[in-house]
Protein backbone atom coordinates (compact mmCIF):
# COMPACT_ATOMS: atom_id res chain seq x y z
CA MET A 1 27.01 -2.40 22.80
CA LYS A 2 29.09 -5.56 21.94
CA ILE A 3 31.78 -3.40 20.33
CA ALA A 4 31.99 -1.24 23.42
CA LYS A 5 32.27 -4.40 25.63
CA THR A 6 34.92 -5.77 23.60
CA MET A 7 36.78 -2.69 23.70
CA VAL A 8 36.53 -2.43 27.34
CA HIS A 9 37.73 -5.82 27.69
CA TRP A 10 40.76 -5.30 25.43
CA GLY A 11 41.61 -1.99 27.22
CA LEU A 12 41.50 -3.94 30.82
CA LEU A 13 43.75 -6.65 29.16
CA LEU A 14 46.17 -4.19 27.78
CA GLY A 15 46.17 -2.15 31.00
CA PHE A 16 46.85 -5.27 33.01
CA SER A 17 49.51 -6.66 30.52
CA ALA A 18 51.25 -3.35 30.85
CA SER A 19 51.35 -3.31 34.55
CA LEU A 20 52.77 -6.78 34.68
CA GLY A 21 55.42 -5.55 32.23
CA ILE A 22 56.32 -2.26 34.08
CA VAL A 23 56.60 -4.09 37.52
CA GLY A 24 58.06 -7.56 36.37
CA CYS A 25 57.06 -11.11 37.05
CA THR A 26 57.96 -12.69 40.60
CA LYS A 27 57.08 -15.62 42.50
CA HIS A 28 54.77 -13.60 44.73
CA PRO A 29 53.09 -10.53 43.98
CA ASN A 30 54.09 -7.46 45.76
CA GLU A 31 51.84 -4.72 47.27
CA GLU A 32 51.87 -2.76 44.23
CA GLN A 33 50.94 -5.38 42.07
CA LEU A 34 48.11 -6.36 44.33
CA ARG A 35 46.85 -2.93 44.32
CA VAL A 36 47.05 -2.85 40.53
CA LEU A 37 45.14 -6.11 40.19
CA GLU A 38 42.55 -4.97 42.38
CA GLU A 39 41.93 -1.73 40.75
CA THR A 40 41.79 -3.37 37.42
CA LYS A 41 39.26 -5.98 38.80
CA GLN A 42 37.07 -2.94 40.14
CA ALA A 43 37.37 -1.35 36.68
CA ALA A 44 36.23 -4.30 34.92
CA LEU A 45 33.26 -4.75 37.28
CA SER A 46 32.19 -1.09 36.94
CA ALA A 47 32.47 -1.24 33.34
CA GLU A 48 30.24 -4.39 32.99
CA GLN A 49 27.64 -2.83 35.54
CA THR A 50 27.66 0.17 33.26
CA VAL A 51 27.20 -1.98 30.04
CA GLU A 52 24.49 -3.86 31.89
CA GLN A 53 22.62 -0.55 32.97
CA LYS A 54 22.96 0.84 29.45
CA ARG A 55 21.41 -2.25 28.00
CA ARG A 56 18.33 -1.85 30.10
CA GLU A 57 18.05 1.69 29.40
CA LYS A 58 18.15 0.87 25.69
CA ALA A 59 15.54 -1.78 26.26
CA ASP A 60 13.24 0.77 27.97
CA LEU A 61 13.68 3.51 25.38
CA GLU A 62 12.91 0.81 22.74
CA ARG A 63 9.71 -0.09 24.77
CA GLN A 64 8.74 3.70 25.06
CA LEU A 65 9.51 4.25 21.16
CA GLU A 66 7.23 1.35 20.39
CA GLN A 67 4.40 2.85 22.72
CA LYS A 68 4.59 6.01 20.91
CA LYS A 69 4.40 4.47 17.49
CA ARG A 70 1.27 2.61 18.63
CA GLU A 71 -0.36 6.34 19.70
CA LEU A 72 0.65 7.83 16.76
CA GLN A 73 -0.95 5.09 14.55
CA LYS A 74 -4.09 5.14 16.63
CA ALA A 75 -4.02 9.09 16.27
CA LYS A 76 -3.71 8.70 12.53
CA ASP A 77 -6.36 6.03 12.40
CA GLU A 78 -8.92 8.34 14.12
CA LYS A 79 -8.27 11.08 12.25
CA GLU A 80 -8.78 9.37 9.20
CA ALA A 81 -12.06 7.91 10.62
CA VAL A 82 -13.24 11.59 11.46
CA LYS A 83 -12.54 12.61 7.91
CA GLN A 84 -14.51 9.80 6.32
CA ARG A 85 -17.38 10.95 8.77
CA LEU A 86 -17.14 14.31 7.81
CA GLY A 87 -17.04 13.45 4.06
CA LEU A 88 -13.88 14.82 3.48
């Protein structure tokens, strides 16, 4: 996840830098520059929200996995106890 976030940030930085290079630097930003800046901000915000959502999903899946592991171990223990009671 850290790599993905780093890649997103670098991609946004590169995109923003490229947009400045294409449009050029002036004392005041024009409408196109402001639009590109706003789009870049929105893309960054969206990417950060996606990363956070995926982190929450990952944490939830890890909790589910641990629960299933506990259930499996409980079933194995119960099976072993039944075998012992049956004298197998």
